[in-house]
Amino acid sequence: MLTVSSREFRDKQASYLNKVDEKEPLIIHRGRKKAYMIVSLEDVDATTLLQSDKKLMKALEEYNSGQDKGVSIEIDDLWK
């Protein structure tokens, strides 16, 4: 898995996207507390996307109803 700063990603965007096309996930760090992951959609199965979508919808419902307790999640746990 590649890890780069947002500035480095901007400077070499095509090169990094080519690596993602070659099945290499990419983490982009923005400042100290923000990070984003880029993966090819070909590498993510539909079941994983649906499970993540269900978790997000439940979290939104809790937030909108005032039941949000706040949750932290590890990046690696997003795709389980």
PDB file of N, CA and C in Angstrom:
ATOM      1  N   MET A   1       0.844  -1.170   0.000  1.00  0.00           N
ATOM      2  CA  MET A   1       0.000   0.000   0.000  1.00  0.00           C
ATOM      3  C   MET A   1       0.892   1.238   0.000  1.00  0.00           C
ATOM      4  N   LEU A   2       0.599   2.143  -0.892  1.00  0.00           N
ATOM      5  CA  LEU A   2       1.367   3.385  -0.991  1.00  0.00           C
ATOM      6  C   LEU A   2       0.775   4.446  -0.076  1.00  0.00           C
ATOM      7  N   THR A   3       1.630   5.277   0.478  1.00  0.00           N
ATOM      8  CA  THR A   3       1.211   6.398   1.308  1.00  0.00           C
ATOM      9  C   THR A   3       1.941   7.648   0.844  1.00  0.00           C
ATOM     10  N   VAL A   4       1.175   8.702   0.517  1.00  0.00           N
ATOM     11  CA  VAL A   4       1.775   9.948   0.040  1.00  0.00           C
ATOM     12  C   VAL A   4       1.058  11.148   0.659  1.00  0.00           C
ATOM     13  N   SER A   5       1.704  12.294   0.582  1.00  0.00           N
ATOM     14  CA  SER A   5       1.055  13.534   1.016  1.00  0.00           C
ATOM     15  C   SER A   5       0.150  14.031  -0.113  1.00  0.00           C
ATOM     16  N   SER A   6      -0.788  14.890   0.228  1.00  0.00           N
ATOM     17  CA  SER A   6      -1.682  15.426  -0.796  1.00  0.00           C
ATOM     18  C   SER A   6      -0.905  16.242  -1.828  1.00  0.00           C
ATOM     19  N   ARG A   7       0.133  16.922  -1.373  1.00  0.00           N
ATOM     20  CA  ARG A   7       0.954  17.712  -2.301  1.00  0.00           C
ATOM     21  C   ARG A   7       1.673  16.812  -3.299  1.00  0.00           C
ATOM     22  N   GLU A   8       2.277  15.728  -2.792  1.00  0.00           N
ATOM     23  CA  GLU A   8       2.973  14.796  -3.682  1.00  0.00           C
ATOM     24  C   GLU A   8       1.991  14.159  -4.658  1.00  0.00           C
ATOM     25  N   PHE A   9       0.786  13.830  -4.169  1.00  0.00           N
ATOM     26  CA  PHE A   9      -0.226  13.244  -5.050  1.00  0.00           C
ATOM     27  C   PHE A   9      -0.585  14.212  -6.178  1.00  0.00           C
ATOM     28  N   ARG A  10      -0.783  15.487  -5.842  1.00  0.00           N
ATOM     29  CA  ARG A  10      -1.100  16.485  -6.870  1.00  0.00           C
ATOM     30  C   ARG A  10       0.008  16.578  -7.915  1.00  0.00           C
ATOM     31  N   ASP A  11       1.256  16.562  -7.441  1.00  0.00           N
ATOM     32  CA  ASP A  11       2.386  16.712  -8.356  1.00  0.00           C
ATOM     33  C   ASP A  11       2.548  15.517  -9.289  1.00  0.00           C
ATOM     34  N   LYS A  12       2.158  14.321  -8.818  1.00  0.00           N
ATOM     35  CA  LYS A  12       2.377  13.096  -9.601  1.00  0.00           C
ATOM     36  C   LYS A  12       1.097  12.278  -9.734  1.00  0.00           C
ATOM     37  N   GLN A  13      -0.010  12.954  -9.908  1.00  0.00           N
ATOM     38  CA  GLN A  13      -1.315  12.309  -9.900  1.00  0.00           C
ATOM     39  C   GLN A  13      -1.417  11.159 -10.900  1.00  0.00           C
ATOM     40  N   ALA A  14      -1.038  11.369 -12.134  1.00  0.00           N
ATOM     41  CA  ALA A  14      -1.163  10.323 -13.156  1.00  0.00           C
ATOM     42  C   ALA A  14      -0.350   9.088 -12.772  1.00  0.00           C
ATOM     43  N   SER A  15       0.842   9.306 -12.268  1.00  0.00           N
ATOM     44  CA  SER A  15       1.699   8.195 -11.875  1.00  0.00           C
ATOM     45  C   SER A  15       1.063   7.375 -10.755  1.00  0.00           C
ATOM     46  N   TYR A  16       0.508   8.047  -9.750  1.00  0.00           N
ATOM     47  CA  TYR A  16      -0.111   7.327  -8.641  1.00  0.00           C
ATOM     48  C   TYR A  16      -1.393   6.623  -9.067  1.00  0.00           C
ATOM     49  N   LEU A  17      -2.176   7.233  -9.939  1.00  0.00           N
ATOM     50  CA  LEU A  17      -3.389   6.569 -10.423  1.00  0.00           C
ATOM     51  C   LEU A  17      -3.032   5.346 -11.268  1.00  0.00           C
ATOM     52  N   ASN A  18      -1.930   5.402 -11.982  1.00  0.00           N
ATOM     53  CA  ASN A  18      -1.471   4.225 -12.725  1.00  0.00           C
ATOM     54  C   ASN A  18      -1.149   3.080 -11.774  1.00  0.00           C
ATOM     55  N   LYS A  19      -0.548   3.396 -10.640  1.00  0.00           N
ATOM     56  CA  LYS A  19      -0.241   2.366  -9.648  1.00  0.00           C
ATOM     57  C   LYS A  19      -1.523   1.782  -9.059  1.00  0.00           C
ATOM     58  N   VAL A  20      -2.532   2.638  -8.841  1.00  0.00           N
ATOM     59  CA  VAL A  20      -3.828   2.139  -8.363  1.00  0.00           C
ATOM     60  C   VAL A  20      -4.425   1.195  -9.404  1.00  0.00           C
ATOM     61  N   ASP A  21      -4.276   1.535 -10.681  1.00  0.00           N
ATOM     62  CA  ASP A  21      -4.743   0.655 -11.757  1.00  0.00           C
ATOM     63  C   ASP A  21      -4.042  -0.696 -11.732  1.00  0.00           C
ATOM     64  N   GLU A  22      -2.825  -0.711 -11.183  1.00  0.00           N
ATOM     65  CA  GLU A  22      -2.047  -1.950 -11.084  1.00  0.00           C
ATOM     66  C   GLU A  22      -2.330  -2.681  -9.763  1.00  0.00           C
ATOM     67  N   LYS A  23      -3.467  -2.357  -9.143  1.00  0.00           N
ATOM     68  CA  LYS A  23      -3.934  -3.031  -7.923  1.00  0.00           C
ATOM     69  C   LYS A  23      -3.175  -2.637  -6.665  1.00  0.00           C
ATOM     70  N   GLU A  24      -2.624  -1.437  -6.624  1.00  0.00           N
ATOM     71  CA  GLU A  24      -1.906  -0.940  -5.451  1.00  0.00           C
ATOM     72  C   GLU A  24      -2.765   0.125  -4.763  1.00  0.00           C
ATOM     73  N   PRO A  25      -3.350  -0.170  -3.591  1.00  0.00           N
ATOM     74  CA  PRO A  25      -4.140   0.848  -2.885  1.00  0.00           C
ATOM     75  C   PRO A  25      -3.262   2.051  -2.522  1.00  0.00           C
ATOM     76  N   LEU A  26      -3.874   3.216  -2.440  1.00  0.00           N
ATOM     77  CA  LEU A  26      -3.147   4.452  -2.178  1.00  0.00           C
ATOM     78  C   LEU A  26      -3.799   5.206  -1.027  1.00  0.00           C
ATOM     79  N   ILE A  27      -2.999   5.578  -0.033  1.00  0.00           N
ATOM     80  CA  ILE A  27      -3.455   6.420   1.067  1.00  0.00           C
ATOM     81  C   ILE A  27      -2.865   7.814   0.859  1.00  0.00           C
ATOM     82  N   ILE A  28      -3.726   8.833   0.879  1.00  0.00           N
ATOM     83  CA  ILE A  28      -3.286  10.218   0.730  1.00  0.00           C
ATOM     84  C   ILE A  28      -3.507  10.916   2.058  1.00  0.00           C
ATOM     85  N   HIS A  29      -2.430  11.440   2.626  1.00  0.00           N
ATOM     86  CA  HIS A  29      -2.516  12.168   3.889  1.00  0.00           C
ATOM     87  C   HIS A  29      -2.672  13.650   3.606  1.00  0.00           C
ATOM     88  N   ARG A  30      -3.594  14.264   4.326  1.00  0.00           N
ATOM     89  CA  ARG A  30      -3.829  15.703   4.198  1.00  0.00           C
ATOM     90  C   ARG A  30      -3.756  16.293   5.596  1.00  0.00           C
ATOM     91  N   GLY A  31      -2.666  16.920   5.889  1.00  0.00           N
ATOM     92  CA  GLY A  31      -2.453  17.405   7.249  1.00  0.00           C
ATOM     93  C   GLY A  31      -2.153  16.237   8.176  1.00  0.00           C
ATOM     94  N   ARG A  32      -2.336  16.457   9.467  1.00  0.00           N
ATOM     95  CA  ARG A  32      -2.001  15.422  10.440  1.00  0.00           C
ATOM     96  C   ARG A  32      -3.143  14.461  10.728  1.00  0.00           C
ATOM     97  N   LYS A  33      -4.371  14.924  10.572  1.00  0.00           N
ATOM     98  CA  LYS A  33      -5.491  14.106  11.018  1.00  0.00           C
ATOM     99  C   LYS A  33      -6.420  13.628   9.912  1.00  0.00           C
ATOM    100  N   LYS A  34      -6.105  13.911   8.672  1.00  0.00           N
ATOM    101  CA  LYS A  34      -6.990  13.498   7.582  1.00  0.00           C
ATOM    102  C   LYS A  34      -6.243  12.565   6.638  1.00  0.00           C
ATOM    103  N   ALA A  35      -6.954  11.535   6.203  1.00  0.00           N
ATOM    104  CA  ALA A  35      -6.380  10.594   5.239  1.00  0.00           C
ATOM    105  C   ALA A  35      -7.504  10.053   4.362  1.00  0.00           C
ATOM    106  N   TYR A  36      -7.164   9.728   3.147  1.00  0.00           N
ATOM    107  CA  TYR A  36      -8.117   9.227   2.169  1.00  0.00           C
ATOM    108  C   TYR A  36      -7.509   8.011   1.496  1.00  0.00           C
ATOM    109  N   MET A  37      -8.357   7.048   1.142  1.00  0.00           N
ATOM    110  CA  MET A  37      -7.853   5.862   0.458  1.00  0.00           C
ATOM    111  C   MET A  37      -8.463   5.797  -0.940  1.00  0.00           C
ATOM    112  N   ILE A  38      -7.611   5.532  -1.911  1.00  0.00           N
ATOM    113  CA  ILE A  38      -8.058   5.360  -3.285  1.00  0.00           C
ATOM    114  C   ILE A  38      -7.756   3.923  -3.690  1.00  0.00           C
ATOM    115  N   VAL A  39      -8.794   3.248  -4.171  1.00  0.00           N
ATOM    116  CA  VAL A  39      -8.640   1.904  -4.715  1.00  0.00           C
ATOM    117  C   VAL A  39      -9.414   1.851  -6.016  1.00  0.00           C
ATOM    118  N   SER A  40      -9.018   0.955  -6.871  1.00  0.00           N
ATOM    119  CA  SER A  40      -9.739   0.753  -8.118  1.00  0.00           C
ATOM    120  C   SER A  40     -11.074   0.085  -7.806  1.00  0.00           C
ATOM    121  N   LEU A  41     -12.137   0.529  -8.437  1.00  0.00           N
ATOM    122  CA  LEU A  41     -13.436  -0.107  -8.217  1.00  0.00           C
ATOM    123  C   LEU A  41     -13.421  -1.569  -8.638  1.00  0.00           C
ATOM    124  N   GLU A  42     -12.527  -1.930  -9.536  1.00  0.00           N
ATOM    125  CA  GLU A  42     -12.398  -3.333  -9.936  1.00  0.00           C
ATOM    126  C   GLU A  42     -11.926  -4.196  -8.770  1.00  0.00           C
ATOM    127  N   ASP A  43     -11.257  -3.588  -7.780  1.00  0.00           N
ATOM    128  CA  ASP A  43     -10.716  -4.334  -6.642  1.00  0.00           C
ATOM    129  C   ASP A  43     -11.679  -4.417  -5.463  1.00  0.00           C
ATOM    130  N   VAL A  44     -12.825  -3.774  -5.561  1.00  0.00           N
ATOM    131  CA  VAL A  44     -13.797  -3.765  -4.468  1.00  0.00           C
ATOM    132  C   VAL A  44     -15.024  -4.537  -4.928  1.00  0.00           C
ATOM    133  N   ASP A  45     -15.379  -5.582  -4.177  1.00  0.00           N
ATOM    134  CA  ASP A  45     -16.552  -6.347  -4.598  1.00  0.00           C
ATOM    135  C   ASP A  45     -17.837  -5.663  -4.129  1.00  0.00           C
ATOM    136  N   ALA A  46     -18.914  -5.970  -4.786  1.00  0.00           N
ATOM    137  CA  ALA A  46     -20.203  -5.323  -4.509  1.00  0.00           C
ATOM    138  C   ALA A  46     -20.679  -5.590  -3.087  1.00  0.00           C
ATOM    139  N   THR A  47     -20.414  -6.776  -2.555  1.00  0.00           N
ATOM    140  CA  THR A  47     -20.843  -7.107  -1.195  1.00  0.00           C
ATOM    141  C   THR A  47     -20.213  -6.166  -0.184  1.00  0.00           C
ATOM    142  N   THR A  48     -18.928  -5.900  -0.343  1.00  0.00           N
ATOM    143  CA  THR A  48     -18.226  -4.998   0.559  1.00  0.00           C
ATOM    144  C   THR A  48     -18.832  -3.606   0.497  1.00  0.00           C
ATOM    145  N   LEU A  49     -19.124  -3.143  -0.697  1.00  0.00           N
ATOM    146  CA  LEU A  49     -19.723  -1.815  -0.853  1.00  0.00           C
ATOM    147  C   LEU A  49     -21.090  -1.748  -0.189  1.00  0.00           C
ATOM    148  N   LEU A  50     -21.898  -2.794  -0.355  1.00  0.00           N
ATOM    149  CA  LEU A  50     -23.227  -2.802   0.247  1.00  0.00           C
ATOM    150  C   LEU A  50     -23.153  -2.832   1.768  1.00  0.00           C
ATOM    151  N   GLN A  51     -22.221  -3.601   2.320  1.00  0.00           N
ATOM    152  CA  GLN A  51     -22.068  -3.657   3.767  1.00  0.00           C
ATOM    153  C   GLN A  51     -21.643  -2.306   4.313  1.00  0.00           C
ATOM    154  N   SER A  52     -20.700  -1.659   3.645  1.00  0.00           N
ATOM    155  CA  SER A  52     -20.258  -0.332   4.076  1.00  0.00           C
ATOM    156  C   SER A  52     -21.406   0.661   3.974  1.00  0.00           C
ATOM    157  N   ASP A  53     -22.198   0.553   2.913  1.00  0.00           N
ATOM    158  CA  ASP A  53     -23.328   1.447   2.711  1.00  0.00           C
ATOM    159  C   ASP A  53     -24.349   1.286   3.837  1.00  0.00           C
ATOM    160  N   LYS A  54     -24.613   0.055   4.266  1.00  0.00           N
ATOM    161  CA  LYS A  54     -25.548  -0.184   5.359  1.00  0.00           C
ATOM    162  C   LYS A  54     -25.045   0.449   6.652  1.00  0.00           C
ATOM    163  N   LYS A  55     -23.754   0.324   6.921  1.00  0.00           N
ATOM    164  CA  LYS A  55     -23.174   0.919   8.129  1.00  0.00           C
ATOM    165  C   LYS A  55     -23.302   2.439   8.088  1.00  0.00           C
ATOM    166  N   LEU A  56     -23.050   3.025   6.921  1.00  0.00           N
ATOM    167  CA  LEU A  56     -23.154   4.482   6.785  1.00  0.00           C
ATOM    168  C   LEU A  56     -24.595   4.948   6.964  1.00  0.00           C
ATOM    169  N   MET A  57     -25.541   4.226   6.371  1.00  0.00           N
ATOM    170  CA  MET A  57     -26.945   4.608   6.497  1.00  0.00           C
ATOM    171  C   MET A  57     -27.402   4.537   7.954  1.00  0.00           C
ATOM    172  N   LYS A  58     -26.988   3.495   8.678  1.00  0.00           N
ATOM    173  CA  LYS A  58     -27.350   3.367  10.090  1.00  0.00           C
ATOM    174  C   LYS A  58     -26.761   4.530  10.890  1.00  0.00           C
ATOM    175  N   ALA A  59     -25.510   4.857  10.608  1.00  0.00           N
ATOM    176  CA  ALA A  59     -24.860   5.966  11.317  1.00  0.00           C
ATOM    177  C   ALA A  59     -25.575   7.285  11.038  1.00  0.00           C
ATOM    178  N   LEU A  60     -25.987   7.511   9.793  1.00  0.00           N
ATOM    179  CA  LEU A  60     -26.717   8.733   9.448  1.00  0.00           C
ATOM    180  C   LEU A  60     -28.067   8.794  10.161  1.00  0.00           C
ATOM    181  N   GLU A  61     -28.764   7.666  10.226  1.00  0.00           N
ATOM    182  CA  GLU A  61     -30.044   7.624  10.924  1.00  0.00           C
ATOM    183  C   GLU A  61     -29.861   7.964  12.409  1.00  0.00           C
ATOM    184  N   GLU A  62     -28.821   7.384  13.033  1.00  0.00           N
ATOM    185  CA  GLU A  62     -28.556   7.668  14.441  1.00  0.00           C
ATOM    186  C   GLU A  62     -28.220   9.147  14.640  1.00  0.00           C
ATOM    187  N   TYR A  63     -27.411   9.675  13.751  1.00  0.00           N
ATOM    188  CA  TYR A  63     -27.029  11.086  13.858  1.00  0.00           C
ATOM    189  C   TYR A  63     -28.254  11.991  13.729  1.00  0.00           C
ATOM    190  N   ASN A  64     -29.071  11.725  12.715  1.00  0.00           N
ATOM    191  CA  ASN A  64     -30.246  12.564  12.466  1.00  0.00           C
ATOM    192  C   ASN A  64     -31.282  12.472  13.581  1.00  0.00           C
ATOM    193  N   SER A  65     -31.330  11.333  14.274  1.00  0.00           N
ATOM    194  CA  SER A  65     -32.306  11.171  15.350  1.00  0.00           C
ATOM    195  C   SER A  65     -31.745  11.604  16.707  1.00  0.00           C
ATOM    196  N   GLY A  66     -30.499  12.055  16.731  1.00  0.00           N
ATOM    197  CA  GLY A  66     -29.889  12.506  17.971  1.00  0.00           C
ATOM    198  C   GLY A  66     -29.335  11.381  18.829  1.00  0.00           C
ATOM    199  N   GLN A  67     -29.256  10.175  18.288  1.00  0.00           N
ATOM    200  CA  GLN A  67     -28.759   9.024  19.037  1.00  0.00           C
ATOM    201  C   GLN A  67     -27.276   8.775  18.801  1.00  0.00           C
ATOM    202  N   ASP A  68     -26.631   9.644  18.071  1.00  0.00           N
ATOM    203  CA  ASP A  68     -25.224   9.451  17.739  1.00  0.00           C
ATOM    204  C   ASP A  68     -24.360   9.469  18.995  1.00  0.00           C
ATOM    205  N   LYS A  69     -23.539   8.450  19.156  1.00  0.00           N
ATOM    206  CA  LYS A  69     -22.668   8.343  20.322  1.00  0.00           C
ATOM    207  C   LYS A  69     -21.220   8.661  19.969  1.00  0.00           C
ATOM    208  N   GLY A  70     -20.957   8.842  18.702  1.00  0.00           N
ATOM    209  CA  GLY A  70     -19.589   9.062  18.253  1.00  0.00           C
ATOM    210  C   GLY A  70     -18.841   7.742  18.168  1.00  0.00           C
ATOM    211  N   VAL A  71     -18.215   7.506  17.065  1.00  0.00           N
ATOM    212  CA  VAL A  71     -17.511   6.246  16.844  1.00  0.00           C
ATOM    213  C   VAL A  71     -16.220   6.537  16.109  1.00  0.00           C
ATOM    214  N   SER A  72     -15.188   5.809  16.468  1.00  0.00           N
ATOM    215  CA  SER A  72     -13.967   5.887  15.681  1.00  0.00           C
ATOM    216  C   SER A  72     -13.761   4.525  15.035  1.00  0.00           C
ATOM    217  N   ILE A  73     -13.142   4.520  13.870  1.00  0.00           N
ATOM    218  CA  ILE A  73     -12.923   3.275  13.138  1.00  0.00           C
ATOM    219  C   ILE A  73     -11.526   3.294  12.529  1.00  0.00           C
ATOM    220  N   GLU A  74     -10.900   2.178  12.540  1.00  0.00           N
ATOM    221  CA  GLU A  74      -9.594   2.050  11.916  1.00  0.00           C
ATOM    222  C   GLU A  74      -9.781   1.914  10.403  1.00  0.00           C
ATOM    223  N   ILE A  75      -8.874   2.478   9.646  1.00  0.00           N
ATOM    224  CA  ILE A  75      -8.970   2.413   8.185  1.00  0.00           C
ATOM    225  C   ILE A  75      -9.060   0.971   7.704  1.00  0.00           C
ATOM    226  N   ASP A  76      -8.283   0.075   8.311  1.00  0.00           N
ATOM    227  CA  ASP A  76      -8.284  -1.327   7.889  1.00  0.00           C
ATOM    228  C   ASP A  76      -9.630  -1.982   8.110  1.00  0.00           C
ATOM    229  N   ASP A  77     -10.420  -1.506   9.080  1.00  0.00           N
ATOM    230  CA  ASP A  77     -11.711  -2.107   9.393  1.00  0.00           C
ATOM    231  C   ASP A  77     -12.807  -1.689   8.396  1.00  0.00           C
ATOM    232  N   LEU A  78     -12.556  -0.659   7.603  1.00  0.00           N
ATOM    233  CA  LEU A  78     -13.567  -0.213   6.657  1.00  0.00           C
ATOM    234  C   LEU A  78     -13.912  -1.292   5.639  1.00  0.00           C
ATOM    235  N   TRP A  79     -12.978  -2.093   5.263  1.00  0.00           N
ATOM    236  CA  TRP A  79     -13.182  -3.064   4.184  1.00  0.00           C
ATOM    237  C   TRP A  79     -13.438  -4.473   4.700  1.00  0.00           C
ATOM    238  N   LYS A  80     -13.730  -4.616   5.982  1.00  0.00           N
ATOM    239  CA  LYS A  80     -14.035  -5.947   6.525  1.00  0.00           C
ATOM    240  C   LYS A  80     -15.500  -6.227   6.438  1.00  0.00           C
TER     241      LYS A  80
END
